[in-house]
Amino acid sequence: MQDRKTSSFISGAAVLMAANLLVKLIGLAFKVPLTYLIGEDGMGHFSDAYTMYTWMFVLATAGLPVAVSKMVSESRALGRNAEVRRILKVSLLFLFVLGLVGTGILFLGADRLSLLIGNPKAAIGIRAIAPAMLFVALMSGFRGFFQGQQDMVPTAISEVAEALGKLIFGYALAYLFLSLGVEIGAAGAVAGVSCGAALGLLSLLVLFLVKKRKLLPASADAECASGGTLFKKLITIAIPITIGASVFSLTSVIDMAMIKHNLVAAGFSTEEAVRLWGSYSGYAVPIFNMPPTLLTAVSISLVPAIASAFVSGNRAHARGSAESAIRITTLFALPCSAGISLLATPILSLIYNNTNASSMLTILGWAIVFVSLVQITNATLQSVGKVFVPVIHMVIGGIVKILINYFLVSNPTININGAPVGTIVCYALILALNLIAIKKVMGVSYALGDMLLRPLFSTVIMGGVVLFLYRLTGGFGRLIPVVVSIAGGAIAYAVVLFAVRGIREEDVRLLPKGEKLARILKRAKLLR
């Protein structure tokens, strides 16, 4: 039974991982041409409006889909179909009110919010993105409901529909409105987010109507908690997750305001400060975000093994799963960090034809490994019931990040490059605190050789190969050197990692299709 549940969960995680990859590719297809269209100034206005929305969005919806999913799953397992219906009604009503309030705050408070972040021209963009709050809030309710039914396909479809809507409408509106001014063009791009959210919600509504009879069968069961009880439970589950997710969104908003103010204090004009922020947030950050986003799906597939083992009292298996999760994440994240840092300039040149953010991305790339490991360690602590521990650690890291940014960004010599330094220190600190907490709670043993030395040695060799191949092919345009360097580096990393026996059999088995892959690698004598 447990194997079937794990298999089902992994299948769902694989569906979401594929959707995440497609959404990221669509996002690049939107963001990259957009940078050419509206430039660094426009990307600064776009990022300001989008960051304000993101913070509000996380506060309103981060923990609620998880809470809805958990409640629906539990009631469904108990055969309480009437309760499932009531959970859906209560959650949608609450999310509708929450989304409406969020939309009102963004739309009516746009002028004050834009002044707060030091960019009055961002007000029109904040108003353009305001309706997305309502659409996304309702979307999160339906997504949680479908996930509680162990059906991940509707979530995947809605994510793709949302991304396509943002791409098509956002770029079209930016193009149409650009002649009225760069801030109007940026607002058109931001309005595409609202259009995409509406399209994603529409896709979920259609799927819900098609599947309604199957998902909500008529039931005469008497056991059904009251709406008030269900609402209280919904909030109780959602609050810790929401607090944890909102910490860094709030920090991003504070950073957004601080960075520009501090750049001005360092001697830059307001226009230069907005341009530097646009270069950092619109060029470096999207590339930096790619690996952690994709690695999230891998982490999700590992967490159930930890949670189920811990709940059943099998602490040894829980410890082993946690150790494997950390090892696997490190194996993926370290080469991503090195590759993006070493090839920052050619990657930016290839994608954006703009290398102004090279120094920022070179530094920021090294944060990838820390961000990825924080994701898996946060999830590990939450899976064993320590939901508030990651929150405390993230608050500490967020404060440190703000302090570092405050002192470094205002330094004229360092300026915007202080922001990625703050990110690295912030996540490294959180990771250290998380690892200490996991060891204390679960008794996990961190084998330095497996978790760090072998992957790090393989990454160093990979880095040398990447630099050699890039210099060797440097005269063949922009595409060929990047592709050859990445491909050659990946092959070198894999060869060295297997040569030093850096991968264990139990790690491979935890991955989607891991049993089959483990058999193949074991026959080739490549696993420990």
Protein backbone atom coordinates (compact mmCIF):
# COMPACT_ATOMS: atom_id res chain seq x y z
CA MET A 1 0.00 0.00 0.00
CA GLN A 2 2.77 2.41 0.96
CA ASP A 3 4.64 1.61 -2.27
CA ARG A 4 1.51 2.38 -4.30
CA LYS A 5 1.05 5.70 -2.49
CA THR A 6 4.67 6.64 -3.06
CA SER A 7 4.44 5.61 -6.71
CA SER A 8 1.29 7.69 -7.16
CA PHE A 9 2.88 10.70 -5.51
CA ILE A 10 6.02 10.38 -7.64
CA SER A 11 3.88 10.16 -10.79
CA GLY A 12 2.11 13.36 -9.75
CA ALA A 13 5.42 15.04 -8.99
CA ALA A 14 6.70 13.99 -12.42
CA VAL A 15 3.64 15.59 -14.07
CA LEU A 16 4.20 18.83 -12.13
CA MET A 17 7.92 18.79 -12.91
CA ALA A 18 7.19 18.50 -16.63
CA ALA A 19 4.67 21.34 -16.33
CA ASN A 20 7.16 23.47 -14.38
CA LEU A 21 9.78 22.95 -17.07
CA LEU A 22 7.32 23.90 -19.81
CA VAL A 23 6.15 26.93 -17.83
CA LYS A 24 9.75 28.07 -17.36
CA LEU A 25 10.44 27.72 -21.09
CA ILE A 26 7.29 29.72 -21.86
CA GLY A 27 8.40 32.26 -19.27
CA LEU A 28 11.75 32.65 -21.03
CA ALA A 29 9.91 33.04 -24.34
CA PHE A 30 8.03 35.93 -22.70
CA LYS A 31 10.79 37.56 -20.66
CA VAL A 32 13.62 37.43 -23.22
CA PRO A 33 11.83 39.23 -26.11
CA LEU A 34 10.31 41.58 -23.53
CA THR A 35 13.79 42.74 -22.45
CA TYR A 36 14.54 43.64 -26.07
CA LEU A 37 11.21 45.46 -26.40
CA ILE A 38 11.08 47.58 -23.23
CA GLY A 39 14.76 47.57 -22.20
CA GLU A 40 16.26 47.83 -18.72
CA ASP A 41 14.11 50.83 -17.75
CA GLY A 42 10.94 48.99 -18.69
CA MET A 43 12.06 45.83 -16.92
CA GLY A 44 12.63 47.92 -13.79
CA HIS A 45 9.00 49.13 -13.89
CA PHE A 46 7.78 45.59 -14.72
CA SER A 47 9.73 44.05 -11.82
CA ASP A 48 8.46 46.66 -9.36
CA ALA A 49 4.79 45.97 -10.18
CA TYR A 50 5.29 42.21 -10.35
CA THR A 51 7.16 42.04 -7.03
CA MET A 52 4.38 43.93 -5.24
CA TYR A 53 1.87 41.44 -6.68
CA THR A 54 4.04 38.45 -5.76
CA TRP A 55 4.20 39.49 -2.13
CA MET A 56 0.43 39.95 -1.92
CA PHE A 57 -0.11 36.71 -3.81
CA VAL A 58 2.06 34.69 -1.43
CA LEU A 59 0.37 36.18 1.62
CA ALA A 60 -3.06 35.31 0.20
CA THR A 61 -2.53 31.88 -1.30
CA ALA A 62 0.78 30.20 -0.35
CA GLY A 63 -0.51 27.87 2.34
CA LEU A 64 -4.16 27.59 1.34
CA PRO A 65 -3.85 25.13 -1.59
CA VAL A 66 -1.84 22.79 0.65
CA ALA A 67 -4.45 23.08 3.41
CA VAL A 68 -7.34 22.44 0.99
CA SER A 69 -5.50 19.48 -0.51
CA LYS A 70 -4.81 17.94 2.91
CA MET A 71 -8.39 18.39 4.12
CA VAL A 72 -9.96 17.07 0.92
CA SER A 73 -7.64 14.06 0.92
CA GLU A 74 -8.46 13.18 4.55
CA SER A 75 -12.24 13.54 4.12
CA ARG A 76 -12.15 11.58 0.87
CA ALA A 77 -10.23 8.74 2.53
CA LEU A 78 -12.91 8.58 5.24
CA GLY A 79 -15.67 8.48 2.62
CA ARG A 80 -17.11 11.85 3.70
CA ASN A 81 -18.19 13.11 0.29
CA ALA A 82 -20.52 15.74 1.73
CA GLU A 83 -17.63 17.12 3.74
CA VAL A 84 -15.50 17.30 0.60
CA ARG A 85 -18.22 19.45 -1.00
CA ARG A 86 -18.35 21.72 2.04
CA ILE A 87 -14.55 22.09 2.14
CA LEU A 88 -14.61 23.22 -1.47
CA LYS A 89 -17.40 25.75 -0.82
CA VAL A 90 -15.79 27.15 2.34
CA SER A 91 -12.35 27.46 0.73
CA LEU A 92 -13.63 29.08 -2.46
CA LEU A 93 -15.73 31.58 -0.53
CA PHE A 94 -12.80 32.50 1.69
CA LEU A 95 -10.40 32.74 -1.25
CA PHE A 96 -12.87 34.87 -3.20
CA VAL A 97 -13.04 37.39 -0.35
CA LEU A 98 -9.26 37.26 0.14
CA GLY A 99 -8.63 37.75 -3.59
CA LEU A 100 -11.09 40.63 -3.74
CA VAL A 101 -9.40 42.36 -0.81
CA GLY A 102 -5.97 41.84 -2.37
CA THR A 103 -7.15 43.25 -5.70
CA GLY A 104 -8.61 46.29 -3.93
CA ILE A 105 -5.40 46.95 -1.98
CA LEU A 106 -3.24 46.81 -5.11
CA PHE A 107 -5.62 48.84 -7.29
CA LEU A 108 -6.62 51.54 -4.82
CA GLY A 109 -3.24 51.72 -3.08
CA ALA A 110 -1.11 51.70 -6.25
CA ASP A 111 0.04 55.29 -5.89
CA ARG A 112 1.14 54.88 -2.26
CA LEU A 113 2.78 51.53 -2.94
CA SER A 114 4.73 52.94 -5.88
CA LEU A 115 6.00 55.79 -3.71
CA LEU A 116 6.93 53.30 -1.00
CA ILE A 117 9.21 51.40 -3.39
CA GLY A 118 10.70 54.60 -4.80
CA ASN A 119 9.21 54.39 -8.30
CA PRO A 120 6.03 56.47 -8.84
CA LYS A 121 5.89 55.35 -12.48
CA ALA A 122 5.17 51.78 -11.35
CA ALA A 123 1.65 52.73 -10.15
CA ILE A 124 -0.03 52.01 -13.49
CA GLY A 125 1.63 48.58 -13.62
CA ILE A 126 0.47 47.75 -10.09
CA ARG A 127 -3.11 48.60 -11.11
CA ALA A 128 -2.78 46.48 -14.25
CA ILE A 129 -1.76 43.41 -12.25
CA ALA A 130 -4.34 43.90 -9.46
CA PRO A 131 -7.11 41.70 -11.02
CA ALA A 132 -4.69 38.76 -11.08
CA MET A 133 -5.03 38.54 -7.28
CA LEU A 134 -8.68 37.51 -7.51
CA PHE A 135 -8.13 35.05 -10.37
CA VAL A 136 -5.11 33.40 -8.74
CA ALA A 137 -6.81 33.14 -5.34
CA LEU A 138 -9.71 31.18 -6.86
CA MET A 139 -7.25 29.14 -8.91
CA SER A 140 -5.40 28.08 -5.79
CA GLY A 141 -8.63 26.77 -4.28
CA PHE A 142 -9.40 24.60 -7.30
CA ARG A 143 -5.80 23.41 -7.52
CA GLY A 144 -5.85 22.35 -3.88
CA PHE A 145 -9.14 20.53 -4.44
CA PHE A 146 -7.81 18.57 -7.43
CA GLN A 147 -4.54 17.78 -5.62
CA GLY A 148 -6.56 16.45 -2.69
CA GLN A 149 -8.17 14.07 -5.18
CA GLN A 150 -4.62 12.98 -6.16
CA ASP A 151 -5.13 14.45 -9.62
CA MET A 152 -2.19 16.70 -10.57
CA VAL A 153 -3.12 17.05 -14.24
CA PRO A 154 -5.55 20.01 -13.80
CA THR A 155 -2.90 21.93 -11.87
CA ALA A 156 -0.37 21.25 -14.63
CA ILE A 157 -2.82 22.30 -17.37
CA SER A 158 -3.76 25.51 -15.56
CA GLU A 159 -0.10 26.41 -15.00
CA VAL A 160 0.64 26.01 -18.71
CA ALA A 161 -2.52 27.94 -19.71
CA GLU A 162 -1.58 30.74 -17.30
CA ALA A 163 1.95 30.96 -18.72
CA LEU A 164 0.69 30.97 -22.32
CA GLY A 165 -1.82 33.71 -21.51
CA LYS A 166 0.92 35.82 -19.95
CA LEU A 167 3.15 35.27 -22.98
CA ILE A 168 0.56 36.06 -25.66
CA PHE A 169 -1.36 38.90 -24.02
CA GLY A 170 1.58 40.38 -22.11
CA TYR A 171 3.87 40.74 -25.10
CA ALA A 172 1.04 41.94 -27.37
CA LEU A 173 -0.10 44.61 -24.91
CA ALA A 174 3.48 45.75 -24.25
CA TYR A 175 4.03 46.14 -27.98
CA LEU A 176 0.76 48.08 -28.46
CA PHE A 177 1.28 50.46 -25.52
CA LEU A 178 5.03 51.08 -25.81
CA SER A 179 4.50 54.11 -28.05
CA LEU A 180 2.76 55.83 -25.11
CA GLY A 181 5.86 55.56 -22.93
CA VAL A 182 8.11 52.85 -21.51
CA GLU A 183 6.18 52.71 -18.21
CA ILE A 184 2.91 52.22 -20.16
CA GLY A 185 4.52 49.47 -22.22
CA ALA A 186 5.73 47.79 -19.01
CA ALA A 187 2.19 48.08 -17.61
CA GLY A 188 0.90 46.33 -20.73
CA ALA A 189 3.33 43.47 -20.09
CA VAL A 190 2.18 43.30 -16.47
CA ALA A 191 -1.47 43.25 -17.59
CA GLY A 192 -0.59 40.02 -19.38
CA VAL A 193 -0.16 38.43 -15.94
CA SER A 194 -3.80 39.23 -15.16
CA CYS A 195 -4.90 37.84 -18.54
CA GLY A 196 -2.88 34.66 -17.97
CA ALA A 197 -4.37 34.19 -14.50
CA ALA A 198 -7.88 34.56 -15.96
CA LEU A 199 -7.07 31.94 -18.61
CA GLY A 200 -5.66 29.56 -15.98
CA LEU A 201 -8.79 29.93 -13.85
CA LEU A 202 -11.02 29.34 -16.89
CA SER A 203 -9.18 26.09 -17.68
CA LEU A 204 -9.72 24.85 -14.10
CA LEU A 205 -13.42 25.76 -14.19
CA VAL A 206 -13.87 23.79 -17.42
CA LEU A 207 -12.05 20.76 -15.98
CA PHE A 208 -14.07 20.99 -12.77
CA LEU A 209 -17.38 21.01 -14.65
CA VAL A 210 -16.28 18.06 -16.77
CA LYS A 211 -15.17 16.01 -13.74
CA LYS A 212 -17.70 17.28 -11.20
CA ARG A 213 -19.90 14.17 -11.04
CA LYS A 214 -16.95 11.87 -10.55
CA LEU A 215 -15.17 14.09 -8.01
CA LEU A 216 -18.28 15.10 -6.04
CA PRO A 217 -20.65 12.13 -6.07
CA ALA A 218 -24.00 12.47 -4.36
CA SER A 219 -23.74 11.31 -0.77
CA ALA A 220 -26.05 10.83 2.17
CA ASP A 221 -23.29 10.41 4.74
CA ALA A 222 -24.11 12.11 7.99
CA GLU A 223 -20.57 12.90 9.18
CA CYS A 224 -19.79 16.38 8.01
CA ALA A 225 -18.07 19.09 10.04
CA SER A 226 -19.63 22.54 10.14
CA GLY A 227 -18.43 25.33 7.90
CA GLY A 228 -16.94 27.17 10.88
CA THR A 229 -14.99 24.11 12.01
CA LEU A 230 -13.65 23.52 8.50
CA PHE A 231 -12.69 27.17 8.14
CA LYS A 232 -10.79 27.08 11.44
CA LYS A 233 -8.94 23.94 10.36
CA LEU A 234 -8.15 25.49 6.99
CA ILE A 235 -6.57 28.53 8.61
CA THR A 236 -4.68 26.48 11.21
CA ILE A 237 -2.96 24.41 8.54
CA ALA A 238 -2.33 27.29 6.15
CA ILE A 239 -0.83 29.88 8.52
CA PRO A 240 2.61 28.27 9.21
CA ILE A 241 3.14 27.52 5.50
CA THR A 242 2.03 31.01 4.51
CA ILE A 243 4.32 32.69 7.03
CA GLY A 244 7.29 30.69 5.78
CA ALA A 245 6.54 31.42 2.13
CA SER A 246 5.86 35.11 2.70
CA VAL A 247 9.08 35.91 4.52
CA PHE A 248 11.23 36.09 1.43
CA SER A 249 8.55 37.69 -0.71
CA LEU A 250 8.35 40.43 1.90
CA THR A 251 12.15 40.60 1.95
CA SER A 252 12.12 40.96 -1.85
CA VAL A 253 9.78 43.93 -1.56
CA ILE A 254 11.98 45.53 1.10
CA ASP A 255 15.08 44.80 -0.99
CA MET A 256 13.41 46.34 -4.02
CA ALA A 257 12.86 49.60 -2.16
CA MET A 258 16.19 49.53 -0.30
CA ILE A 259 18.34 48.72 -3.31
CA LYS A 260 17.10 51.68 -5.32
CA HIS A 261 17.25 54.07 -2.36
CA ASN A 262 20.74 52.88 -1.49
CA LEU A 263 21.91 53.19 -5.07
CA VAL A 264 20.72 56.79 -5.04
CA ALA A 265 22.55 57.28 -1.74
CA ALA A 266 25.67 55.86 -3.41
CA GLY A 267 25.54 58.65 -6.00
CA PHE A 268 23.42 57.15 -8.77
CA SER A 269 20.49 59.05 -10.28
CA THR A 270 16.94 57.66 -9.85
CA GLU A 271 16.93 56.63 -13.51
CA GLU A 272 20.27 54.83 -13.13
CA ALA A 273 19.03 53.11 -9.96
CA VAL A 274 15.89 51.86 -11.75
CA ARG A 275 18.04 50.69 -14.68
CA LEU A 276 20.43 48.77 -12.43
CA TRP A 277 17.51 47.20 -10.56
CA GLY A 278 15.93 46.26 -13.89
CA SER A 279 19.18 44.67 -15.03
CA TYR A 280 19.45 42.63 -11.82
CA SER A 281 15.79 41.62 -11.44
CA GLY A 282 14.96 41.29 -15.14
CA TYR A 283 18.13 39.66 -16.47
CA ALA A 284 20.14 37.94 -13.71
CA VAL A 285 17.37 36.73 -11.39
CA PRO A 286 15.28 34.83 -14.01
CA ILE A 287 18.32 32.74 -15.01
CA PHE A 288 19.23 32.21 -11.35
CA ASN A 289 15.68 31.01 -10.58
CA MET A 290 15.64 28.27 -13.23
CA PRO A 291 17.56 25.45 -11.45
CA PRO A 292 15.89 25.83 -8.01
CA THR A 293 12.46 25.83 -9.64
CA LEU A 294 13.16 22.61 -11.51
CA LEU A 295 14.82 21.04 -8.46
CA THR A 296 11.68 21.75 -6.42
CA ALA A 297 9.88 18.93 -8.22
CA VAL A 298 12.75 16.53 -7.46
CA SER A 299 12.61 17.54 -3.80
CA ILE A 300 8.84 17.02 -3.69
CA SER A 301 9.24 13.44 -4.89
CA LEU A 302 11.60 12.71 -1.98
CA VAL A 303 9.63 14.22 0.91
CA PRO A 304 6.86 11.53 1.26
CA ALA A 305 9.47 8.91 2.10
CA ILE A 306 10.60 11.06 5.03
CA ALA A 307 7.10 11.90 6.28
CA SER A 308 5.66 8.37 6.07
CA ALA A 309 8.68 6.77 7.74
CA PHE A 310 8.75 9.33 10.56
CA VAL A 311 5.02 9.00 11.28
CA SER A 312 5.21 5.20 11.31
CA GLY A 313 8.07 5.29 13.81
CA ASN A 314 10.74 4.06 11.37
CA ARG A 315 13.27 6.73 12.29
CA ALA A 316 16.18 4.91 10.60
CA HIS A 317 14.41 4.99 7.25
CA ALA A 318 13.43 8.63 7.79
CA ARG A 319 17.06 9.54 8.48
CA GLY A 320 18.22 7.65 5.40
CA SER A 321 15.66 9.42 3.22
CA ALA A 322 16.68 12.83 4.56
CA GLU A 323 20.34 12.09 3.90
CA SER A 324 19.54 10.94 0.37
CA ALA A 325 17.44 14.05 -0.26
CA ILE A 326 20.33 16.31 0.74
CA ARG A 327 22.88 14.33 -1.28
CA ILE A 328 20.74 14.27 -4.45
CA THR A 329 19.96 17.97 -4.24
CA THR A 330 23.65 18.76 -3.81
CA LEU A 331 24.54 16.56 -6.79
CA PHE A 332 22.19 18.57 -9.03
CA ALA A 333 22.65 22.05 -7.58
CA LEU A 334 26.45 22.30 -7.32
CA PRO A 335 27.17 21.94 -11.06
CA CYS A 336 24.29 24.31 -11.85
CA SER A 337 25.83 26.93 -9.56
CA ALA A 338 29.28 26.54 -11.09
CA GLY A 339 28.04 26.44 -14.68
CA ILE A 340 25.90 29.57 -14.42
CA SER A 341 28.61 31.50 -12.56
CA LEU A 342 31.39 30.54 -14.98
CA LEU A 343 29.29 31.16 -18.10
CA ALA A 344 27.34 34.18 -16.83
CA THR A 345 28.57 36.56 -19.52
CA PRO A 346 28.11 34.25 -22.54
CA ILE A 347 24.70 33.08 -21.26
CA LEU A 348 23.45 36.66 -20.89
CA SER A 349 24.90 37.56 -24.28
CA LEU A 350 23.24 34.56 -25.92
CA ILE A 351 19.81 35.00 -24.36
CA TYR A 352 19.48 38.77 -23.99
CA ASN A 353 22.28 40.19 -26.16
CA ASN A 354 23.00 42.25 -23.03
CA THR A 355 25.80 41.55 -20.56
CA ASN A 356 25.25 44.40 -18.10
CA ALA A 357 24.17 41.90 -15.43
CA SER A 358 27.25 39.67 -15.83
CA SER A 359 28.90 40.51 -12.51
CA MET A 360 25.55 40.15 -10.69
CA LEU A 361 24.83 36.72 -12.21
CA THR A 362 28.40 35.53 -11.63
CA ILE A 363 27.94 36.14 -7.90
CA LEU A 364 24.27 35.12 -7.74
CA GLY A 365 24.92 31.79 -9.43
CA TRP A 366 26.67 30.48 -6.32
CA ALA A 367 23.48 31.00 -4.31
CA ILE A 368 21.72 28.28 -6.35
CA VAL A 369 23.15 25.44 -4.28
CA PHE A 370 22.13 27.11 -1.01
CA VAL A 371 18.62 27.97 -2.22
CA SER A 372 18.06 24.43 -3.50
CA LEU A 373 19.25 22.86 -0.24
CA VAL A 374 17.13 25.26 1.81
CA GLN A 375 14.07 24.06 -0.15
CA ILE A 376 14.69 20.41 0.69
CA THR A 377 15.68 21.03 4.31
CA ASN A 378 12.61 23.24 4.86
CA ALA A 379 10.41 20.48 3.44
CA THR A 380 12.17 17.87 5.60
CA LEU A 381 11.52 19.84 8.79
CA GLN A 382 7.88 20.43 7.81
CA SER A 383 7.41 16.74 7.02
CA VAL A 384 8.32 15.79 10.60
CA GLY A 385 6.00 18.39 12.12
CA LYS A 386 8.52 21.19 12.75
CA VAL A 387 6.59 23.69 10.63
CA PHE A 388 7.64 26.84 12.50
CA VAL A 389 11.36 26.03 12.71
CA PRO A 390 12.06 26.94 9.04
CA VAL A 391 10.03 30.12 9.52
CA ILE A 392 12.27 31.28 12.37
CA HIS A 393 15.39 30.45 10.35
CA MET A 394 14.08 32.32 7.30
CA VAL A 395 13.28 35.39 9.36
CA ILE A 396 16.85 35.38 10.70
CA GLY A 397 18.26 34.95 7.20
CA GLY A 398 15.97 37.66 5.84
CA ILE A 399 17.17 40.17 8.45
CA VAL A 400 20.79 39.36 7.65
CA LYS A 401 20.07 39.79 3.93
CA ILE A 402 18.55 43.23 4.48
CA LEU A 403 21.49 44.34 6.64
CA ILE A 404 24.08 43.17 4.10
CA ASN A 405 22.22 44.85 1.26
CA TYR A 406 21.94 48.05 3.26
CA PHE A 407 25.68 48.34 3.81
CA LEU A 408 26.97 46.92 0.52
CA VAL A 409 24.57 48.43 -2.03
CA SER A 410 25.14 51.93 -0.63
CA ASN A 411 28.88 51.46 -1.23
CA PRO A 412 29.56 53.16 -4.62
CA THR A 413 32.25 50.60 -5.49
CA ILE A 414 30.08 47.54 -4.81
CA ASN A 415 26.60 49.04 -5.51
CA ILE A 416 24.13 46.55 -7.08
CA ASN A 417 26.58 43.64 -6.70
CA GLY A 418 25.90 43.76 -2.97
CA ALA A 419 22.41 42.31 -3.58
CA PRO A 420 23.58 38.84 -4.74
CA VAL A 421 26.17 38.76 -1.95
CA GLY A 422 23.34 39.28 0.53
CA THR A 423 21.40 36.44 -1.09
CA ILE A 424 24.31 34.01 -0.75
CA VAL A 425 24.95 34.81 2.92
CA CYS A 426 21.23 34.74 3.71
CA TYR A 427 20.58 31.27 2.29
CA ALA A 428 23.88 29.84 3.55
CA LEU A 429 22.90 30.89 7.08
CA ILE A 430 19.40 29.40 6.77
CA LEU A 431 20.86 26.16 5.43
CA ALA A 432 23.29 25.89 8.36
CA LEU A 433 20.47 26.46 10.87
CA ASN A 434 18.23 23.93 9.08
CA LEU A 435 20.95 21.26 9.02
CA ILE A 436 21.54 21.72 12.75
CA ALA A 437 17.80 21.41 13.44
CA ILE A 438 17.46 18.27 11.28
CA LYS A 439 20.38 16.63 13.07
CA LYS A 440 18.83 17.47 16.44
CA VAL A 441 15.32 16.28 15.53
CA MET A 442 16.14 13.25 13.38
CA GLY A 443 19.70 12.33 14.32
CA VAL A 444 20.85 12.62 10.71
CA SER A 445 24.53 11.95 10.11
CA TYR A 446 26.15 14.20 7.50
CA ALA A 447 28.84 12.18 5.69
CA LEU A 448 31.19 14.92 4.47
CA GLY A 449 32.64 12.80 1.68
CA ASP A 450 29.28 11.84 0.16
CA MET A 451 27.45 15.10 0.70
CA LEU A 452 30.18 17.58 -0.18
CA LEU A 453 33.68 16.39 -1.09
CA ARG A 454 32.86 14.04 -3.99
CA PRO A 455 30.31 16.38 -5.62
CA LEU A 456 32.63 19.37 -5.07
CA PHE A 457 35.63 17.55 -6.60
CA SER A 458 33.52 16.57 -9.61
CA THR A 459 32.29 20.17 -9.94
CA VAL A 460 35.85 21.56 -9.90
CA ILE A 461 36.86 19.20 -12.72
CA MET A 462 33.68 20.13 -14.59
CA GLY A 463 34.52 23.83 -14.20
CA GLY A 464 37.95 23.31 -15.73
CA VAL A 465 36.44 21.46 -18.69
CA VAL A 466 33.80 24.19 -19.17
CA LEU A 467 36.40 26.97 -19.27
CA PHE A 468 38.67 24.96 -21.60
CA LEU A 469 35.87 24.18 -24.07
CA TYR A 470 34.59 27.75 -24.03
CA ARG A 471 38.00 29.14 -24.88
CA LEU A 472 38.51 26.44 -27.50
CA THR A 473 35.25 27.26 -29.28
CA GLY A 474 35.19 30.99 -28.53
CA GLY A 475 35.54 31.97 -32.20
CA PHE A 476 32.39 30.15 -33.35
CA GLY A 477 29.76 32.76 -32.52
CA ARG A 478 27.63 32.92 -29.39
CA LEU A 479 25.55 29.72 -29.48
CA ILE A 480 28.13 27.01 -30.19
CA PRO A 481 30.57 27.89 -27.35
CA VAL A 482 27.78 27.92 -24.75
CA VAL A 483 26.18 24.67 -25.94
CA VAL A 484 29.51 22.83 -26.30
CA SER A 485 30.74 24.07 -22.90
CA ILE A 486 27.55 23.05 -21.09
CA ALA A 487 27.34 19.65 -22.80
CA GLY A 488 31.03 18.91 -22.27
CA GLY A 489 30.88 20.06 -18.66
CA ALA A 490 27.83 17.86 -17.95
CA ILE A 491 29.56 14.81 -19.43
CA ALA A 492 32.75 15.52 -17.47
CA TYR A 493 30.80 15.96 -14.24
CA ALA A 494 28.93 12.66 -14.70
CA VAL A 495 32.09 10.73 -15.60
CA VAL A 496 34.07 12.03 -12.62
CA LEU A 497 31.12 11.57 -10.23
CA PHE A 498 30.72 7.92 -11.22
CA ALA A 499 34.49 7.43 -11.15
CA VAL A 500 34.71 8.60 -7.53
CA ARG A 501 31.59 6.54 -6.68
CA GLY A 502 29.68 9.66 -5.70
CA ILE A 503 26.18 8.19 -6.19
CA ARG A 504 24.52 5.58 -3.99
CA GLU A 505 21.98 2.99 -5.08
CA GLU A 506 19.38 4.10 -2.52
CA ASP A 507 19.58 7.68 -3.83
CA VAL A 508 18.73 6.60 -7.36
CA ARG A 509 15.83 4.43 -6.19
CA LEU A 510 14.10 7.43 -4.64
CA LEU A 511 13.92 9.23 -7.99
CA PRO A 512 11.04 8.83 -10.49
CA LYS A 513 11.70 5.58 -12.42
CA GLY A 514 14.55 5.05 -9.97
CA GLU A 515 14.21 1.27 -9.70
CA LYS A 516 14.81 0.76 -13.41
CA LEU A 517 17.62 3.31 -13.52
CA ALA A 518 19.30 1.75 -10.47
CA ARG A 519 19.30 -1.70 -12.09
CA ILE A 520 20.95 -0.33 -15.24
CA LEU A 521 23.62 1.59 -13.34
CA LYS A 522 24.26 -1.31 -10.98
CA ARG A 523 24.87 -3.69 -13.88
CA ALA A 524 27.41 -1.18 -15.19
CA LYS A 525 29.04 -1.13 -11.71
CA LEU A 526 28.54 2.62 -11.40
CA LEU A 527 26.76 2.67 -8.03
CA ARG A 528 28.01 2.18 -4.50
